[in-house]
Protein backbone atom coordinates (compact mmCIF):
# COMPACT_ATOMS: atom_id res chain seq x y z
CA MET A 1 2.96 8.32 10.91
CA GLU A 2 3.17 4.99 9.12
CA ARG A 3 1.14 6.41 6.23
CA LEU A 4 3.58 9.33 5.93
CA SER A 5 6.52 6.93 5.99
CA GLN A 6 4.96 4.97 3.12
CA LEU A 7 4.39 8.16 1.13
CA LEU A 8 8.00 9.25 1.62
CA ARG A 9 9.11 6.00 -0.02
CA VAL A 10 7.18 6.97 -3.16
CA THR A 11 9.44 8.73 -5.66
CA ALA A 12 6.65 10.85 -7.16
CA PHE A 13 5.63 12.12 -3.73
CA ARG A 14 9.23 12.89 -2.73
CA LEU A 15 9.84 14.82 -5.97
CA SER A 16 6.61 16.78 -5.54
CA LEU A 17 7.53 17.54 -1.92
CA ILE A 18 11.04 18.68 -2.89
CA TYR A 19 9.73 20.90 -5.70
CA THR A 20 7.08 22.37 -3.39
CA VAL A 21 9.66 23.16 -0.69
CA LEU A 22 12.09 24.68 -3.21
CA PHE A 23 9.42 26.82 -4.87
CA GLY A 24 8.08 27.80 -1.46
CA LEU A 25 11.52 28.92 -0.26
CA LEU A 26 12.06 30.87 -3.47
CA ALA A 27 8.64 32.49 -3.11
CA ILE A 28 9.36 33.44 0.52
CA ALA A 29 12.75 34.87 -0.42
CA LEU A 30 11.25 36.87 -3.28
CA VAL A 31 8.34 38.23 -1.24
CA ALA A 32 10.65 39.02 1.72
CA PHE A 33 13.07 40.84 -0.61
CA VAL A 34 10.29 42.88 -2.20
CA SER A 35 8.67 43.55 1.19
CA TYR A 36 11.92 44.67 2.82
CA ASN A 37 12.96 46.97 -0.01
CA THR A 38 9.46 48.39 -0.45
CA SER A 39 9.21 49.06 3.29
CA ARG A 40 12.57 50.83 3.20
CA LEU A 41 11.39 52.89 0.23
CA VAL A 42 8.14 53.84 1.98
CA PHE A 43 9.94 54.86 5.18
CA SER A 44 12.47 56.82 3.13
CA GLN A 45 9.65 58.68 1.38
CA ILE A 46 7.93 59.35 4.73
CA ARG A 47 11.13 60.79 6.15
CA SER A 48 11.72 62.89 3.01
CA ALA A 49 8.16 64.27 3.17
CA ALA A 50 8.53 65.06 6.87
CA GLN A 51 11.87 66.74 6.19
CA GLU A 52 10.26 68.97 3.55
CA GLU A 53 7.57 69.90 6.06
CA VAL A 54 10.25 70.78 8.60
CA GLU A 55 12.02 73.02 6.08
CA GLU A 56 8.75 74.85 5.28
CA LEU A 57 8.05 75.43 8.98
CA SER A 58 11.62 76.59 9.49
CA THR A 59 11.13 79.20 6.75
CA ILE A 60 7.89 80.39 8.37
CA TYR A 61 9.62 80.69 11.75
CA ASN A 62 12.55 82.61 10.29
CA PHE A 63 10.24 85.20 8.67
CA GLY A 64 7.42 85.40 11.22
CA GLY A 65 8.76 84.19 14.52
CA ALA A 66 7.16 81.86 17.04
CA GLY A 67 3.69 83.43 16.79
CA ARG A 68 3.41 82.91 13.08
CA LEU A 69 4.83 79.34 13.47
CA ILE A 70 2.17 78.48 16.06
CA ASN A 71 -0.60 79.91 13.85
CA SER A 72 0.69 77.90 10.89
CA ILE A 73 0.83 74.70 12.93
CA GLU A 74 -2.73 75.26 14.23
CA ARG A 75 -3.94 75.69 10.66
CA ARG A 76 -2.03 72.68 9.35
CA SER A 77 -3.19 70.51 12.26
CA ARG A 78 -6.81 70.96 11.19
CA ALA A 79 -6.04 69.89 7.62
CA PRO A 80 -6.48 66.20 6.71
CA GLY A 81 -3.29 64.20 6.41
CA ALA A 82 -0.88 62.04 8.28
CA TYR A 83 1.51 64.77 9.54
CA LEU A 84 2.11 65.24 13.23
CA TYR A 85 2.69 68.72 14.74
CA LEU A 86 3.42 69.54 18.34
CA ILE A 87 4.88 72.64 20.11
CA SER A 88 5.53 72.53 23.83
CA ASP A 89 6.65 75.17 26.32
CA PRO A 90 9.66 74.81 28.62
CA GLN A 91 7.47 73.00 31.18
CA GLY A 92 6.49 70.39 28.54
CA ARG A 93 2.90 71.65 28.15
CA ILE A 94 1.45 71.35 24.65
CA ILE A 95 0.82 74.76 23.10
CA ALA A 96 -0.31 73.78 19.62
CA GLY A 97 -0.57 70.74 17.39
CA ASN A 98 -2.71 67.71 16.63
CA VAL A 99 -1.14 65.35 19.18
CA LYS A 100 -2.82 64.80 22.54
CA SER A 101 0.06 62.92 24.17
CA VAL A 102 3.36 61.41 23.19
CA ASP A 103 6.01 59.32 24.83
CA PRO A 104 8.13 61.71 26.96
CA LYS A 105 11.27 59.93 25.80
CA VAL A 106 10.69 61.26 22.30
CA PHE A 107 11.38 64.82 23.57
CA ALA A 108 14.48 63.72 25.44
CA GLN A 109 16.78 64.11 22.44
CA ASN A 110 16.84 66.17 19.29
CA GLY A 111 16.86 64.79 15.76
CA TRP A 112 15.04 61.92 14.08
CA SER A 113 13.58 59.11 16.14
CA GLU A 114 15.34 55.85 15.28
CA THR A 115 12.25 53.71 15.67
CA PRO A 116 8.50 54.46 15.38
CA PHE A 117 6.95 55.59 18.67
CA LYS A 118 3.40 55.52 20.05
CA TYR A 119 1.28 58.65 20.24
CA ASP A 120 -2.38 59.67 20.78
CA PRO A 121 -3.91 62.05 18.21
CA LEU A 122 -6.39 64.74 19.21
CA ASN A 123 -9.13 63.71 16.86
CA SER A 124 -9.03 60.27 15.24
CA GLU A 125 -11.75 57.91 14.10
CA ILE A 126 -9.34 55.01 13.94
CA ASP A 127 -9.07 52.86 17.06
CA GLY A 128 -5.90 51.13 18.14
CA PRO A 129 -2.33 52.22 18.64
CA HIS A 130 -0.85 54.93 16.45
CA ARG A 131 2.82 55.03 15.55
CA ALA A 132 4.92 57.66 13.86
CA ILE A 133 8.45 58.82 13.16
CA ALA A 134 9.36 62.45 13.85
CA GLN A 135 12.11 65.02 14.12
CA VAL A 136 12.47 67.05 17.33
CA PHE A 137 14.47 70.25 17.71
CA ASP A 138 14.65 73.26 20.03
CA LEU A 139 13.26 76.73 19.39
CA PRO A 140 14.14 79.99 21.13
CA GLN A 141 12.49 80.81 24.46
CA GLY A 142 12.61 77.13 25.54
CA LEU A 143 10.04 75.96 22.99
CA ARG A 144 10.35 72.50 21.42
CA LEU A 145 8.92 71.49 18.05
CA LEU A 146 8.00 67.99 16.86
CA VAL A 147 7.20 67.36 13.22
CA GLY A 148 6.53 63.81 12.02
CA ARG A 149 4.40 61.51 9.99
CA ASP A 150 2.21 58.53 10.83
CA VAL A 151 3.58 55.14 9.65
CA GLY A 152 0.27 53.29 9.75
CA GLU A 153 0.17 52.96 5.98
CA ALA A 154 3.65 51.46 5.92
CA ASN A 155 2.73 48.99 8.66
CA TYR A 156 -0.48 48.15 6.83
CA PHE A 157 1.57 47.49 3.70
CA ARG A 158 3.90 45.24 5.68
CA THR A 159 0.91 43.28 7.03
CA ILE A 160 -0.36 42.82 3.49
CA MET A 161 3.05 41.48 2.43
CA VAL A 162 3.11 39.00 5.34
CA GLN A 163 -0.35 37.80 4.38
CA ALA A 164 0.85 37.49 0.80
CA ILE A 165 3.70 35.25 1.96
CA GLY A 166 1.25 33.03 3.86
CA LEU A 167 -1.10 32.84 0.92
CA THR A 168 1.81 32.06 -1.40
CA LEU A 169 2.91 29.18 0.81
CA VAL A 170 -0.60 27.73 0.91
CA LEU A 171 -0.91 27.99 -2.86
CA MET A 172 2.49 26.38 -3.33
CA VAL A 173 1.54 23.44 -1.09
CA LEU A 174 -1.76 23.01 -2.93
CA ALA A 175 0.04 23.22 -6.26
CA GLY A 176 2.53 20.58 -5.12
CA LEU A 177 -0.25 18.25 -3.97
CA LEU A 178 -2.14 18.73 -7.23
CA LEU A 179 1.06 18.14 -9.18
CA TRP A 180 1.61 14.89 -7.32
CA PHE A 181 -2.00 13.80 -7.63
CA PHE A 182 -2.49 14.48 -11.33
CA ILE A 183 1.04 13.85 -12.64
CA GLY A 184 2.90 11.84 -10.03
CA ARG A 185 0.04 9.41 -9.44
CA ARG A 186 -0.20 8.70 -13.16
CA ALA A 187 3.53 8.00 -13.41
CA LEU A 188 3.38 5.94 -10.23
CA GLN A 189 0.48 3.89 -11.57
CA ARG A 190 2.45 3.05 -14.69
CA ILE A 191 5.42 2.00 -12.57
CA ASP A 192 3.13 -0.23 -10.50
CA ASP A 193 1.79 -1.83 -13.69
CA VAL A 194 5.34 -2.50 -14.87
CA SER A 195 6.25 -3.90 -11.44
CA MET A 196 3.29 -6.33 -11.41
CA SER A 197 4.02 -7.47 -14.95
CA SER A 198 7.68 -7.96 -14.06
CA ALA A 199 6.70 -10.07 -11.04
CA ARG A 200 4.67 -12.39 -13.27
CA ILE A 201 7.57 -12.70 -15.71
CA ILE A 202 10.05 -13.43 -12.90
CA ALA A 203 7.66 -16.10 -11.60
CA GLY A 204 8.11 -17.95 -14.89
CA ASP A 205 5.42 -16.54 -17.18
CA LEU A 206 7.72 -15.46 -20.01
CA SER A 207 4.72 -14.92 -22.27
CA GLY A 208 3.85 -11.80 -20.28
CA ARG A 209 4.84 -8.35 -21.53
CA LEU A 210 5.22 -4.93 -19.95
CA PRO A 211 2.19 -2.68 -20.60
CA THR A 212 2.27 0.33 -22.94
CA ASP A 213 -0.35 3.03 -23.55
CA GLY A 214 0.67 4.02 -27.08
CA SER A 215 1.82 7.51 -26.12
CA GLY A 216 5.38 6.87 -27.25
CA ASP A 217 6.82 8.50 -24.11
CA GLU A 218 9.83 7.37 -22.08
CA PHE A 219 7.83 4.63 -20.35
CA ASP A 220 6.62 3.22 -23.65
CA ARG A 221 10.10 3.23 -25.17
CA LEU A 222 11.54 1.51 -22.10
CA ALA A 223 8.73 -1.05 -22.09
CA ASP A 224 9.22 -1.77 -25.81
CA ASN A 225 12.95 -2.36 -25.34
CA LEU A 226 12.37 -4.64 -22.35
CA ASN A 227 9.61 -6.52 -24.19
CA SER A 228 12.01 -7.17 -27.06
CA ALA A 229 14.57 -8.51 -24.60
CA ILE A 230 11.92 -10.70 -22.90
CA SER A 231 10.85 -12.09 -26.28
CA ARG A 232 14.44 -13.01 -27.01
CA ILE A 233 14.85 -14.62 -23.59
CA GLU A 234 11.59 -16.55 -24.09
CA LYS A 235 12.83 -17.98 -27.36
CA LEU A 236 16.16 -18.96 -25.81
CA SER A 237 14.43 -20.45 -22.77
CA ILE A 238 12.12 -22.50 -24.96
CA GLY A 239 15.11 -23.71 -26.97
CA VAL A 240 17.00 -24.72 -23.82
CA ARG A 241 13.93 -26.42 -22.39
CA VAL A 242 13.31 -28.35 -25.59
CA MET A 243 16.96 -29.39 -25.72
CA SER A 244 16.90 -30.43 -22.04
CA ASP A 245 13.72 -32.44 -22.55
CA SER A 246 15.25 -34.09 -25.59
CA ILE A 247 18.43 -34.95 -23.70
CA ALA A 248 16.42 -36.27 -20.78
CA HIS A 249 14.25 -38.35 -23.07
CA ASP A 250 17.12 -39.63 -25.22
CA LEU A 251 19.34 -40.57 -22.28
CA LYS A 252 16.89 -41.48 -19.51
CA THR A 253 14.95 -43.89 -21.69
CA PRO A 254 17.99 -46.06 -22.61
CA LEU A 255 19.20 -45.92 -19.01
CA THR A 256 15.80 -47.04 -17.75
CA LYS A 257 15.76 -49.88 -20.25
CA LEU A 258 19.30 -50.83 -19.22
CA ARG A 259 18.25 -50.92 -15.58
CA ASN A 260 15.16 -53.02 -16.33
CA ARG A 261 17.24 -55.51 -18.33
CA ALA A 262 19.74 -55.71 -15.50
CA GLU A 263 16.92 -56.49 -13.07
CA ALA A 264 15.63 -59.13 -15.43
CA ALA A 265 19.10 -60.63 -15.75
CA LEU A 266 19.45 -60.60 -11.98
CA VAL A 267 16.62 -63.10 -11.69
CA THR A 268 18.43 -65.72 -13.75
CA ALA A 269 22.02 -64.76 -12.93
CA GLY A 270 24.31 -67.01 -10.99
CA SER A 271 25.87 -66.14 -7.71
CA THR A 272 29.10 -64.95 -9.38
CA ASP A 273 27.30 -62.44 -11.61
CA ARG A 274 24.78 -61.09 -9.11
CA ALA A 275 27.17 -58.64 -7.50
CA ALA A 276 28.15 -57.16 -10.85
CA ILE A 277 24.55 -56.85 -12.01
CA GLU A 278 23.50 -55.25 -8.71
CA GLN A 279 26.32 -52.74 -9.12
CA VAL A 280 25.08 -51.95 -12.63
CA ILE A 281 21.56 -51.34 -11.28
CA GLU A 282 22.93 -49.09 -8.50
CA ASP A 283 24.99 -47.09 -11.00
CA ALA A 284 21.99 -46.69 -13.27
CA ASP A 285 19.89 -45.47 -10.34
CA GLY A 286 22.58 -42.92 -9.48
CA ILE A 287 22.67 -41.62 -13.05
CA LEU A 288 18.88 -41.39 -13.16
CA ARG A 289 18.84 -39.48 -9.85
CA THR A 290 21.41 -37.08 -11.26
CA PHE A 291 19.25 -36.47 -14.32
CA ASP A 292 16.18 -35.94 -12.15
CA ALA A 293 18.03 -33.44 -9.93
CA LEU A 294 19.41 -31.53 -12.92
CA LEU A 295 16.00 -31.34 -14.56
CA MET A 296 14.36 -30.17 -11.33
CA ILE A 297 16.99 -27.45 -10.80
CA SER A 298 16.49 -26.25 -14.38
CA GLN A 299 12.73 -26.22 -13.93
CA VAL A 300 12.99 -24.32 -10.65
CA GLN A 301 15.42 -21.72 -12.00
CA SER A 302 13.31 -21.19 -15.12
CA GLY A 303 10.23 -20.63 -12.96
CA SER A 304 8.11 -23.33 -14.55
CA LYS A 305 7.65 -25.05 -11.20
CA MET A 306 6.24 -21.88 -9.69
CA ALA A 307 3.66 -21.01 -12.32
CA LYS A 308 0.92 -21.72 -9.77
CA LEU A 309 1.49 -20.60 -6.19
CA SER A 310 -0.64 -21.46 -3.21
CA ALA A 311 -0.68 -21.07 0.55
CA VAL A 312 1.45 -23.83 2.10
CA ARG A 313 1.40 -24.75 5.79
CA MET A 314 5.14 -24.89 6.36
CA ASP A 315 4.68 -26.40 9.82
CA GLU A 316 2.73 -29.33 8.38
CA VAL A 317 5.36 -29.98 5.70
CA CYS A 318 8.13 -29.96 8.33
CA SER A 319 6.19 -32.25 10.66
CA ASP A 320 5.45 -34.77 7.88
CA ILE A 321 9.08 -34.91 6.76
CA ALA A 322 10.33 -35.10 10.37
CA GLU A 323 8.05 -38.08 10.95
CA LEU A 324 9.42 -39.71 7.80
CA PHE A 325 13.09 -39.14 8.71
CA GLU A 326 12.89 -40.07 12.39
CA PRO A 327 13.27 -43.83 11.85
CA ILE A 328 15.99 -43.25 9.25
CA VAL A 329 18.03 -41.22 11.74
CA SER A 330 17.38 -43.79 14.47
CA GLU A 331 18.97 -46.49 12.33
CA SER A 332 22.28 -44.59 12.50
CA ASP A 333 21.98 -44.28 16.31
CA ALA A 334 21.89 -40.47 16.00
CA GLU A 335 19.62 -38.25 18.08
CA PHE A 336 16.90 -36.43 16.15
CA THR A 337 14.78 -33.54 17.48
CA ALA A 338 12.13 -31.46 15.74
CA ASP A 339 10.77 -28.19 17.14
CA VAL A 340 8.07 -26.78 14.85
CA THR A 341 5.95 -23.71 15.55
CA PRO A 342 2.36 -24.38 14.42
CA ALA A 343 0.32 -22.42 11.90
CA LEU A 344 3.13 -20.93 9.78
CA THR A 345 1.96 -20.34 6.22
CA VAL A 346 4.10 -19.33 3.25
CA ASN A 347 3.21 -18.70 -0.36
CA GLY A 348 4.90 -21.26 -2.58
CA ASN A 349 5.09 -24.74 -4.03
CA ARG A 350 4.57 -27.57 -1.52
CA GLU A 351 6.47 -30.14 -3.59
CA LEU A 352 9.56 -27.96 -3.90
CA LEU A 353 9.52 -26.93 -0.24
CA ALA A 354 9.28 -30.58 0.81
CA GLN A 355 12.17 -31.47 -1.51
CA MET A 356 14.22 -28.64 -0.01
CA ILE A 357 13.73 -29.89 3.58
CA THR A 358 14.41 -33.47 2.48
CA ASN A 359 17.72 -32.46 0.90
CA LEU A 360 18.79 -30.57 4.03
CA LEU A 361 18.01 -33.50 6.34
CA ASP A 362 19.61 -35.97 3.93
CA ASN A 363 22.85 -33.95 3.98
CA ALA A 364 22.71 -33.68 7.79
CA ILE A 365 22.38 -37.46 8.11
CA LYS A 366 25.08 -38.10 5.52
CA TYR A 367 27.71 -35.78 7.04
CA GLY A 368 26.68 -35.44 10.68
CA GLY A 369 24.79 -38.52 11.82
CA ASN A 370 27.28 -41.36 11.80
CA SER A 371 27.44 -42.23 15.51
CA SER A 372 25.48 -42.34 18.75
CA LEU A 373 26.96 -38.96 19.66
CA SER A 374 25.49 -37.32 16.57
CA ARG A 375 22.62 -34.86 16.89
CA ILE A 376 20.38 -33.63 14.10
CA GLU A 377 17.97 -30.81 14.83
CA LEU A 378 15.10 -29.48 12.76
CA SER A 379 13.33 -26.30 13.85
CA LEU A 380 10.77 -23.91 12.38
CA LYS A 381 10.13 -20.58 14.09
CA ALA A 382 8.43 -17.28 13.30
CA GLU A 383 10.82 -14.33 13.53
CA GLU A 384 9.33 -10.94 12.66
CA GLU A 385 7.79 -11.44 9.20
CA ASP A 386 9.75 -14.58 8.25
CA ALA A 387 9.33 -18.29 8.72
CA VAL A 388 12.82 -19.42 9.77
CA LEU A 389 13.77 -23.05 9.08
CA ARG A 390 17.01 -24.37 10.62
CA VAL A 391 18.65 -27.75 10.14
CA ALA A 392 21.72 -28.37 12.30
CA ASP A 393 24.15 -31.23 12.95
CA ASN A 394 27.31 -31.68 15.01
CA GLY A 395 29.41 -33.27 12.29
CA SER A 396 32.54 -32.01 10.60
CA GLY A 397 30.82 -28.93 9.19
CA ILE A 398 31.87 -26.89 6.17
CA PRO A 399 34.84 -24.49 6.22
CA GLU A 400 33.77 -20.85 5.88
CA ALA A 401 35.75 -20.47 2.65
CA ASP A 402 33.72 -23.27 1.01
CA ARG A 403 30.21 -22.28 2.12
CA GLU A 404 29.47 -20.33 -1.06
CA ARG A 405 31.12 -22.89 -3.31
CA VAL A 406 29.04 -25.85 -2.06
CA LEU A 407 25.93 -24.17 -3.50
CA GLU A 408 27.29 -24.67 -7.02
CA ARG A 409 26.37 -27.73 -9.06
CA PHE A 410 28.43 -30.92 -8.66
CA VAL A 411 30.61 -29.44 -5.91
CA ARG A 412 31.48 -32.03 -3.26
CA LEU A 413 33.89 -31.51 -0.38
CA ASP A 414 34.43 -35.28 -0.15
CA ALA A 415 37.57 -35.40 -2.28
CA SER A 416 37.61 -39.19 -2.28
CA ARG A 417 33.98 -39.29 -3.55
CA THR A 418 33.37 -42.33 -1.36
CA LYS A 419 30.04 -41.09 0.00
CA ALA A 420 26.89 -41.35 -2.07
CA GLY A 421 25.66 -38.18 -3.67
CA THR A 422 25.79 -36.03 -6.79
CA GLY A 423 26.71 -32.61 -5.39
CA LEU A 424 23.33 -31.21 -6.45
CA GLY A 425 21.41 -31.26 -3.16
CA LEU A 426 22.36 -27.80 -1.90
CA SER A 427 22.17 -26.39 -5.44
CA LEU A 428 18.52 -27.41 -5.56
CA VAL A 429 17.94 -25.96 -2.07
CA ASP A 430 19.49 -22.65 -3.15
CA ALA A 431 17.32 -22.53 -6.29
CA VAL A 432 14.12 -23.27 -4.33
CA VAL A 433 14.90 -20.62 -1.69
CA GLU A 434 15.67 -18.00 -4.33
CA LEU A 435 12.50 -18.78 -6.24
CA HIS A 436 10.40 -18.34 -3.08
CA GLY A 437 11.96 -14.94 -2.35
CA GLY A 438 13.85 -16.20 0.70
CA THR A 439 17.44 -16.26 1.91
CA LEU A 440 19.82 -19.16 2.55
CA LYS A 441 22.65 -18.97 5.09
CA LEU A 442 25.25 -21.57 6.09
CA MET A 443 26.63 -21.07 9.61
CA ASP A 444 29.01 -22.72 12.04
CA ASN A 445 27.18 -24.83 14.65
CA ALA A 446 30.34 -25.27 16.77
CA PRO A 447 30.76 -28.11 15.98
CA GLY A 448 28.94 -29.00 12.82
CA LEU A 449 26.86 -27.02 10.37
CA MET A 450 23.64 -25.07 10.71
CA ILE A 451 21.68 -24.13 7.59
CA GLU A 452 19.12 -21.35 7.96
CA VAL A 453 16.35 -20.69 5.44
CA ARG A 454 14.15 -17.60 5.76
CA LEU A 455 10.89 -17.44 3.81
CA PRO A 456 8.34 -14.59 3.93
CA ILE A 457 5.24 -15.47 5.91
CA SER A 458 2.08 -15.32 3.83
CA LYS A 459 -0.21 -12.43 4.86
């Protein structure tokens, strides 16, 4: 059942199945139409032939009477053919004909029988039931005459048509499967190749290109257009990266030198200047951290940090960071708990995942861990096919209207800007989660904030 469900998600298989069903229904309708009309034609011809026979016998009776009619029926009964003849006396005894017995109900009314009836012929080499249609009418002196024709050929024809319908259906199913196998599988394989190439490009390998086979078909034209777009994006990405590196180098280097000189001046500075110099060093550190965060976000979003993926034990990363943050939280008199499910592995970058958890805990301490009543919780659980990381606090939380906005760069809900920070922490978390194919959700912890990160568990 699972295999069928997977096949039904394949476009080529669904199209082949739809075409097979449509063609099969059309074939059934066509064969049924031909069968029905041909059967009607055959029965009409049988009735016409039987009617002609009745007219001939009527002429014989009119000119020669009952004796000549009986002699004619005896002679005709011995001739090969599918006609039925039967004359009975007033007591229902058979006087002449080629029928040994017949359903008594057939003689109950004059005229044509509406439906074929069973009968037993006198001499027949064919086993099985015999059916016929016939006309019954009265003769003088209480005699009754039955003239009909066997419908075995018509029934045989109908059987052949039913078999033809079955064979047509089987052939249509086989044709549909062959169509899917030889045509759909080829198209599906090309789509899979494009999908794998696209995955590599999304992961940051902009040098990759979508495959073509040189046929010049729709797939090749689409791949050529997308390759041209990727080449353009690669050039722009390289230009932005070069510019970012240049800015980082041109600005970080002077800032680093400024900080080093301030530290050197701090050694020889007097007590009146120390506070100012320390403030300069702190400001320089803040600017450098901002540059580092911006560069890391750019690297994550461009995919360069994910060029090489590996299996990462998410439980070990969480445990290591929890051990690192426990004394930091204790200094603020807050309560810190960590509940980590062991042996949870994801496919990703260990450095980025560690930075993501660090940013979440840092925000929780900054906005929710300012008193002895504060609680900060870190948990990692397996839910279905995801590793679910949650970081919660009981602080002031984030209003629902601002939960999307705080993921943007440099957005800070602290209007006074009195707390340390750059407004880039959650932006980096969002970029890391997106790059790992996960989801990020900010929820009300009543009170406080709970941030949930879902990452696919590595198979």
